[in-house]
Structure formats: structure tokens, C-alpha cells
PDB file of N, CA and C in Angstrom:
ATOM      1  N   UNK A   1     -14.490  20.609  22.692  1.00  0.00           N
ATOM      2  CA  UNK A   1     -14.205  21.345  21.484  1.00  0.00           C
ATOM      3  C   UNK A   1     -13.901  20.329  20.380  1.00  0.00           C
ATOM      4  N   UNK A   2     -14.476  20.530  19.231  1.00  0.00           N
ATOM      5  CA  UNK A   2     -14.281  19.613  18.098  1.00  0.00           C
ATOM      6  C   UNK A   2     -13.157  20.126  17.203  1.00  0.00           C
ATOM      7  N   UNK A   3     -12.354  19.200  16.765  1.00  0.00           N
ATOM      8  CA  UNK A   3     -11.260  19.540  15.858  1.00  0.00           C
ATOM      9  C   UNK A   3     -11.597  19.048  14.468  1.00  0.00           C
ATOM     10  N   UNK A   4     -11.244  19.848  13.482  1.00  0.00           N
ATOM     11  CA  UNK A   4     -11.483  19.453  12.097  1.00  0.00           C
ATOM     12  C   UNK A   4     -10.193  18.971  11.472  1.00  0.00           C
ATOM     13  N   UNK A   5     -10.303  17.952  10.684  1.00  0.00           N
ATOM     14  CA  UNK A   5      -9.152  17.427   9.961  1.00  0.00           C
ATOM     15  C   UNK A   5      -9.168  18.030   8.556  1.00  0.00           C
ATOM     16  N   UNK A   6      -8.066  18.606   8.142  1.00  0.00           N
ATOM     17  CA  UNK A   6      -8.035  19.271   6.843  1.00  0.00           C
ATOM     18  C   UNK A   6      -7.991  18.287   5.681  1.00  0.00           C
ATOM     19  N   UNK A   7      -7.438  17.103   5.909  1.00  0.00           N
ATOM     20  CA  UNK A   7      -7.408  16.094   4.851  1.00  0.00           C
ATOM     21  C   UNK A   7      -8.091  14.840   5.350  1.00  0.00           C
ATOM     22  N   UNK A   8      -8.954  14.283   4.515  1.00  0.00           N
ATOM     23  CA  UNK A   8      -9.685  13.084   4.887  1.00  0.00           C
ATOM     24  C   UNK A   8      -9.094  11.907   4.142  1.00  0.00           C
ATOM     25  N   UNK A   9      -8.705  10.882   4.884  1.00  0.00           N
ATOM     26  CA  UNK A   9      -8.179   9.663   4.277  1.00  0.00           C
ATOM     27  C   UNK A   9      -9.187   8.541   4.497  1.00  0.00           C
ATOM     28  N   UNK A  10      -9.551   7.843   3.448  1.00  0.00           N
ATOM     29  CA  UNK A  10     -10.574   6.807   3.595  1.00  0.00           C
ATOM     30  C   UNK A  10     -10.106   5.578   4.356  1.00  0.00           C
ATOM     31  N   UNK A  11      -8.837   5.354   4.449  1.00  0.00           N
ATOM     32  CA  UNK A  11      -8.308   4.182   5.134  1.00  0.00           C
ATOM     33  C   UNK A  11      -7.233   3.519   4.296  1.00  0.00           C
ATOM     34  N   UNK A  12      -6.604   2.541   4.868  1.00  0.00           N
ATOM     35  CA  UNK A  12      -5.529   1.833   4.179  1.00  0.00           C
ATOM     36  C   UNK A  12      -6.132   0.661   3.421  1.00  0.00           C
ATOM     37  N   UNK A  13      -6.098   0.742   2.107  1.00  0.00           N
ATOM     38  CA  UNK A  13      -6.662  -0.281   1.241  1.00  0.00           C
ATOM     39  C   UNK A  13      -5.655  -0.714   0.199  1.00  0.00           C
ATOM     40  N   UNK A  14      -5.834  -1.936  -0.321  1.00  0.00           N
ATOM     41  CA  UNK A  14      -5.081  -2.362  -1.501  1.00  0.00           C
ATOM     42  C   UNK A  14      -5.714  -1.673  -2.701  1.00  0.00           C
ATOM     43  N   UNK A  15      -4.907  -1.130  -3.560  1.00  0.00           N
ATOM     44  CA  UNK A  15      -5.403  -0.405  -4.715  1.00  0.00           C
ATOM     45  C   UNK A  15      -5.895  -1.373  -5.790  1.00  0.00           C
ATOM     46  N   UNK A  16      -6.948  -0.986  -6.475  1.00  0.00           N
ATOM     47  CA  UNK A  16      -7.450  -1.782  -7.597  1.00  0.00           C
ATOM     48  C   UNK A  16      -6.593  -1.572  -8.843  1.00  0.00           C
ATOM     49  N   UNK A  17      -5.799  -0.511  -8.872  1.00  0.00           N
ATOM     50  CA  UNK A  17      -4.951  -0.207 -10.030  1.00  0.00           C
ATOM     51  C   UNK A  17      -3.502  -0.617  -9.811  1.00  0.00           C
ATOM     52  N   UNK A  18      -3.255  -1.399  -8.812  1.00  0.00           N
ATOM     53  CA  UNK A  18      -1.892  -1.793  -8.486  1.00  0.00           C
ATOM     54  C   UNK A  18      -1.367  -2.881  -9.400  1.00  0.00           C
ATOM     55  N   UNK A  19      -0.069  -3.106  -9.316  1.00  0.00           N
ATOM     56  CA  UNK A  19       0.599  -4.069 -10.178  1.00  0.00           C
ATOM     57  C   UNK A  19       0.444  -5.494  -9.657  1.00  0.00           C
ATOM     58  N   UNK A  20       0.859  -5.740  -8.432  1.00  0.00           N
ATOM     59  CA  UNK A  20       0.799  -7.072  -7.839  1.00  0.00           C
ATOM     60  C   UNK A  20       0.060  -6.959  -6.513  1.00  0.00           C
ATOM     61  N   UNK A  21      -1.199  -7.283  -6.494  1.00  0.00           N
ATOM     62  CA  UNK A  21      -2.108  -7.189  -5.346  1.00  0.00           C
ATOM     63  C   UNK A  21      -2.421  -5.752  -4.943  1.00  0.00           C
ATOM     64  N   UNK A  22      -1.728  -4.767  -5.438  1.00  0.00           N
ATOM     65  CA  UNK A  22      -2.012  -3.373  -5.132  1.00  0.00           C
ATOM     66  C   UNK A  22      -1.546  -2.903  -3.772  1.00  0.00           C
ATOM     67  N   UNK A  23      -0.655  -3.638  -3.145  1.00  0.00           N
ATOM     68  CA  UNK A  23      -0.200  -3.288  -1.794  1.00  0.00           C
ATOM     69  C   UNK A  23       0.639  -2.014  -1.811  1.00  0.00           C
ATOM     70  N   UNK A  24       1.642  -1.962  -2.670  1.00  0.00           N
ATOM     71  CA  UNK A  24       2.524  -0.785  -2.708  1.00  0.00           C
ATOM     72  C   UNK A  24       1.756   0.477  -3.094  1.00  0.00           C
ATOM     73  N   UNK A  25       0.887   0.374  -4.079  1.00  0.00           N
ATOM     74  CA  UNK A  25       0.115   1.552  -4.495  1.00  0.00           C
ATOM     75  C   UNK A  25      -0.838   1.992  -3.385  1.00  0.00           C
ATOM     76  N   UNK A  26      -1.446   1.049  -2.692  1.00  0.00           N
ATOM     77  CA  UNK A  26      -2.344   1.400  -1.589  1.00  0.00           C
ATOM     78  C   UNK A  26      -1.615   2.101  -0.462  1.00  0.00           C
ATOM     79  N   UNK A  27      -0.440   1.601  -0.102  1.00  0.00           N
ATOM     80  CA  UNK A  27       0.361   2.238   0.946  1.00  0.00           C
ATOM     81  C   UNK A  27       0.834   3.614   0.489  1.00  0.00           C
ATOM     82  N   UNK A  28       1.256   3.723  -0.760  1.00  0.00           N
ATOM     83  CA  UNK A  28       1.735   5.006  -1.291  1.00  0.00           C
ATOM     84  C   UNK A  28       0.613   6.039  -1.324  1.00  0.00           C
ATOM     85  N   UNK A  29      -0.581   5.631  -1.711  1.00  0.00           N
ATOM     86  CA  UNK A  29      -1.704   6.575  -1.738  1.00  0.00           C
ATOM     87  C   UNK A  29      -2.099   6.996  -0.330  1.00  0.00           C
ATOM     88  N   UNK A  30      -2.051   6.082   0.617  1.00  0.00           N
ATOM     89  CA  UNK A  30      -2.439   6.400   1.994  1.00  0.00           C
ATOM     90  C   UNK A  30      -1.474   7.397   2.631  1.00  0.00           C
ATOM     91  N   UNK A  31      -0.164   7.184   2.443  1.00  0.00           N
ATOM     92  CA  UNK A  31       0.832   8.058   3.046  1.00  0.00           C
ATOM     93  C   UNK A  31       1.281   9.180   2.113  1.00  0.00           C
ATOM     94  N   UNK A  32       0.654   9.299   0.946  1.00  0.00           N
ATOM     95  CA  UNK A  32       0.957  10.339  -0.035  1.00  0.00           C
ATOM     96  C   UNK A  32       2.431  10.305  -0.442  1.00  0.00           C
ATOM     97  N   UNK A  33       2.883   9.111  -0.848  1.00  0.00           N
ATOM     98  CA  UNK A  33       4.250   8.897  -1.300  1.00  0.00           C
ATOM     99  C   UNK A  33       4.256   8.572  -2.788  1.00  0.00           C
ATOM    100  N   UNK A  34       5.430   8.590  -3.373  1.00  0.00           N
ATOM    101  CA  UNK A  34       5.585   8.191  -4.760  1.00  0.00           C
ATOM    102  C   UNK A  34       5.575   6.667  -4.846  1.00  0.00           C
ATOM    103  N   UNK A  35       4.744   6.131  -5.741  1.00  0.00           N
ATOM    104  CA  UNK A  35       4.656   4.685  -5.912  1.00  0.00           C
ATOM    105  C   UNK A  35       5.977   4.135  -6.429  1.00  0.00           C
ATOM    106  N   UNK A  36       6.623   4.865  -7.315  1.00  0.00           N
ATOM    107  CA  UNK A  36       7.893   4.422  -7.870  1.00  0.00           C
ATOM    108  C   UNK A  36       8.933   4.206  -6.786  1.00  0.00           C
ATOM    109  N   UNK A  37       9.088   5.173  -5.878  1.00  0.00           N
ATOM    110  CA  UNK A  37      10.109   5.068  -4.840  1.00  0.00           C
ATOM    111  C   UNK A  37       9.756   4.006  -3.807  1.00  0.00           C
ATOM    112  N   UNK A  38       8.485   3.849  -3.509  1.00  0.00           N
ATOM    113  CA  UNK A  38       8.100   2.796  -2.573  1.00  0.00           C
ATOM    114  C   UNK A  38       8.383   1.421  -3.162  1.00  0.00           C
ATOM    115  N   UNK A  39       8.078   1.232  -4.441  1.00  0.00           N
ATOM    116  CA  UNK A  39       8.390  -0.039  -5.094  1.00  0.00           C
ATOM    117  C   UNK A  39       9.897  -0.260  -5.177  1.00  0.00           C
ATOM    118  N   UNK A  40      10.660   0.806  -5.421  1.00  0.00           N
ATOM    119  CA  UNK A  40      12.119   0.684  -5.470  1.00  0.00           C
ATOM    120  C   UNK A  40      12.671   0.254  -4.113  1.00  0.00           C
ATOM    121  N   UNK A  41      12.121   0.780  -3.039  1.00  0.00           N
ATOM    122  CA  UNK A  41      12.554   0.385  -1.696  1.00  0.00           C
ATOM    123  C   UNK A  41      12.209  -1.070  -1.434  1.00  0.00           C
ATOM    124  N   UNK A  42      11.018  -1.500  -1.834  1.00  0.00           N
ATOM    125  CA  UNK A  42      10.613  -2.896  -1.619  1.00  0.00           C
ATOM    126  C   UNK A  42      11.505  -3.841  -2.418  1.00  0.00           C
ATOM    127  N   UNK A  43      11.782  -3.508  -3.670  1.00  0.00           N
ATOM    128  CA  UNK A  43      12.636  -4.356  -4.503  1.00  0.00           C
ATOM    129  C   UNK A  43      14.068  -4.369  -3.971  1.00  0.00           C
ATOM    130  N   UNK A  44      14.571  -3.214  -3.548  1.00  0.00           N
ATOM    131  CA  UNK A  44      15.915  -3.149  -2.967  1.00  0.00           C
ATOM    132  C   UNK A  44      16.019  -3.966  -1.696  1.00  0.00           C
ATOM    133  N   UNK A  45      15.000  -3.894  -0.860  1.00  0.00           N
ATOM    134  CA  UNK A  45      14.984  -4.700   0.359  1.00  0.00           C
ATOM    135  C   UNK A  45      14.900  -6.179   0.021  1.00  0.00           C
ATOM    136  N   UNK A  46      14.143  -6.515  -1.010  1.00  0.00           N
ATOM    137  CA  UNK A  46      14.041  -7.901  -1.464  1.00  0.00           C
ATOM    138  C   UNK A  46      15.407  -8.433  -1.898  1.00  0.00           C
ATOM    139  N   UNK A  47      16.148  -7.632  -2.629  1.00  0.00           N
ATOM    140  CA  UNK A  47      17.465  -8.055  -3.108  1.00  0.00           C
ATOM    141  C   UNK A  47      18.458  -8.175  -1.948  1.00  0.00           C
ATOM    142  N   UNK A  48      18.426  -7.226  -1.019  1.00  0.00           N
ATOM    143  CA  UNK A  48      19.402  -7.222   0.069  1.00  0.00           C
ATOM    144  C   UNK A  48      19.137  -8.269   1.154  1.00  0.00           C
ATOM    145  N   UNK A  49      17.868  -8.561   1.433  1.00  0.00           N
ATOM    146  CA  UNK A  49      17.561  -9.470   2.531  1.00  0.00           C
ATOM    147  C   UNK A  49      17.256 -10.883   2.083  1.00  0.00           C
ATOM    148  N   UNK A  50      16.944 -11.053   0.845  1.00  0.00           N
ATOM    149  CA  UNK A  50      16.593 -12.385   0.366  1.00  0.00           C
ATOM    150  C   UNK A  50      15.104 -12.538   0.160  1.00  0.00           C
ATOM    151  N   UNK A  51      14.728 -13.688  -0.251  1.00  0.00           N
ATOM    152  CA  UNK A  51      13.357 -13.957  -0.656  1.00  0.00           C
ATOM    153  C   UNK A  51      12.370 -13.934   0.499  1.00  0.00           C
ATOM    154  N   UNK A  52      12.658 -14.667   1.566  1.00  0.00           N
ATOM    155  CA  UNK A  52      11.658 -14.951   2.592  1.00  0.00           C
ATOM    156  C   UNK A  52      11.075 -13.729   3.313  1.00  0.00           C
ATOM    157  N   UNK A  53      11.857 -12.858   3.923  1.00  0.00           N
ATOM    158  CA  UNK A  53      11.217 -11.831   4.758  1.00  0.00           C
ATOM    159  C   UNK A  53      10.322 -10.876   3.980  1.00  0.00           C
ATOM    160  N   UNK A  54      10.770 -10.423   2.833  1.00  0.00           N
ATOM    161  CA  UNK A  54      10.005  -9.422   2.087  1.00  0.00           C
ATOM    162  C   UNK A  54       8.745 -10.039   1.500  1.00  0.00           C
ATOM    163  N   UNK A  55       8.872 -11.204   0.910  1.00  0.00           N
ATOM    164  CA  UNK A  55       7.707 -11.848   0.303  1.00  0.00           C
ATOM    165  C   UNK A  55       6.691 -12.221   1.379  1.00  0.00           C
ATOM    166  N   UNK A  56       7.158 -12.679   2.527  1.00  0.00           N
ATOM    167  CA  UNK A  56       6.253 -13.027   3.620  1.00  0.00           C
ATOM    168  C   UNK A  56       5.470 -11.802   4.100  1.00  0.00           C
ATOM    169  N   UNK A  57       6.146 -10.700   4.324  1.00  0.00           N
ATOM    170  CA  UNK A  57       5.486  -9.477   4.798  1.00  0.00           C
ATOM    171  C   UNK A  57       4.545  -8.926   3.722  1.00  0.00           C
ATOM    172  N   UNK A  58       4.966  -8.991   2.455  1.00  0.00           N
ATOM    173  CA  UNK A  58       4.141  -8.485   1.361  1.00  0.00           C
ATOM    174  C   UNK A  58       2.856  -9.303   1.229  1.00  0.00           C
ATOM    175  N   UNK A  59       2.966 -10.627   1.270  1.00  0.00           N
ATOM    176  CA  UNK A  59       1.785 -11.477   1.172  1.00  0.00           C
ATOM    177  C   UNK A  59       0.892 -11.341   2.397  1.00  0.00           C
ATOM    178  N   UNK A  60       1.484 -11.153   3.564  1.00  0.00           N
ATOM    179  CA  UNK A  60       0.705 -10.924   4.771  1.00  0.00           C
ATOM    180  C   UNK A  60      -0.087  -9.615   4.661  1.00  0.00           C
ATOM    181  N   UNK A  61       0.558  -8.580   4.140  1.00  0.00           N
ATOM    182  CA  UNK A  61      -0.140  -7.305   3.936  1.00  0.00           C
ATOM    183  C   UNK A  61      -1.250  -7.457   2.907  1.00  0.00           C
ATOM    184  N   UNK A  62      -1.009  -8.234   1.851  1.00  0.00           N
ATOM    185  CA  UNK A  62      -2.034  -8.452   0.833  1.00  0.00           C
ATOM    186  C   UNK A  62      -3.237  -9.188   1.408  1.00  0.00           C
ATOM    187  N   UNK A  63      -3.001 -10.079   2.343  1.00  0.00           N
ATOM    188  CA  UNK A  63      -4.105 -10.811   2.958  1.00  0.00           C
ATOM    189  C   UNK A  63      -4.855  -9.978   3.990  1.00  0.00           C
ATOM    190  N   UNK A  64      -4.148  -9.130   4.731  1.00  0.00           N
ATOM    191  CA  UNK A  64      -4.774  -8.376   5.809  1.00  0.00           C
ATOM    192  C   UNK A  64      -5.430  -7.078   5.349  1.00  0.00           C
ATOM    193  N   UNK A  65      -4.906  -6.462   4.312  1.00  0.00           N
ATOM    194  CA  UNK A  65      -5.465  -5.195   3.834  1.00  0.00           C
ATOM    195  C   UNK A  65      -6.729  -5.466   3.023  1.00  0.00           C
ATOM    196  N   UNK A  66      -7.745  -4.670   3.261  1.00  0.00           N
ATOM    197  CA  UNK A  66      -8.978  -4.793   2.484  1.00  0.00           C
ATOM    198  C   UNK A  66      -8.771  -4.200   1.098  1.00  0.00           C
ATOM    199  N   UNK A  67      -9.527  -4.698   0.144  1.00  0.00           N
ATOM    200  CA  UNK A  67      -9.453  -4.157  -1.207  1.00  0.00           C
ATOM    201  C   UNK A  67     -10.176  -2.816  -1.257  1.00  0.00           C
ATOM    202  N   UNK A  68      -9.673  -1.923  -2.076  1.00  0.00           N
ATOM    203  CA  UNK A  68     -10.254  -0.594  -2.210  1.00  0.00           C
ATOM    204  C   UNK A  68     -11.721  -0.712  -2.628  1.00  0.00           C
ATOM    205  N   UNK A  69     -12.624   0.035  -1.983  1.00  0.00           N
ATOM    206  CA  UNK A  69     -14.031  -0.067  -2.361  1.00  0.00           C
ATOM    207  C   UNK A  69     -14.258   0.406  -3.797  1.00  0.00           C
ATOM    208  N   UNK A  70     -15.159  -0.253  -4.481  1.00  0.00           N
ATOM    209  CA  UNK A  70     -15.506   0.125  -5.852  1.00  0.00           C
ATOM    210  C   UNK A  70     -16.579   1.202  -5.799  1.00  0.00           C
ATOM    211  N   UNK A  71     -16.381   2.211  -6.596  1.00  0.00           N
ATOM    212  CA  UNK A  71     -17.350   3.305  -6.663  1.00  0.00           C
ATOM    213  C   UNK A  71     -18.106   3.196  -7.978  1.00  0.00           C
ATOM    214  N   UNK A  72     -19.425   3.263  -7.908  1.00  0.00           N
ATOM    215  CA  UNK A  72     -20.210   3.236  -9.143  1.00  0.00           C
ATOM    216  C   UNK A  72     -20.464   4.664  -9.592  1.00  0.00           C
ATOM    217  N   UNK A  73     -20.269   4.899 -10.845  1.00  0.00           N
ATOM    218  CA  UNK A  73     -20.459   6.253 -11.387  1.00  0.00           C
ATOM    219  C   UNK A  73     -21.694   6.299 -12.230  1.00  0.00           C
TER     220      UNK A  73
END
């Protein structure tokens, strides 16, 4: 028996409209979250934990996530 998915997600991509590499916007679009609150959580975690862990994980995500495909209109 085949199951249908009501919502289609193209995949986890870095957004082309993002601020810094588009990681937060890409994650927010994939999980249908607010970009503002996701960025606030990342900045808050950056302040509370220090420079290294957050920046390392963010840059790793920027390197591993593919860029959002460009659509020609």
C-alpha cells in the first residue's frame, strides 16, 4: 500500500536569501520555524557558550549543506 505525503519538502539546503551563508534560514524553512527565533537561539547560544562551539558547528553546517537550487523563471 502506498502512502501519500501531504507536504513535500525539497530537502535541507542553505538559503540563497540568508544573511550569513543562509544556514539559519535554510534550517528554518525546512522545519517551518521562524527565522527570527532560530537566529535568536543561535546568538544566545553563542553568547552563553563562547565562540568556539557555535561557530564551529555553524561553519560545519555551512560546508556540509548544499546550496539551494536556483530556479529559472
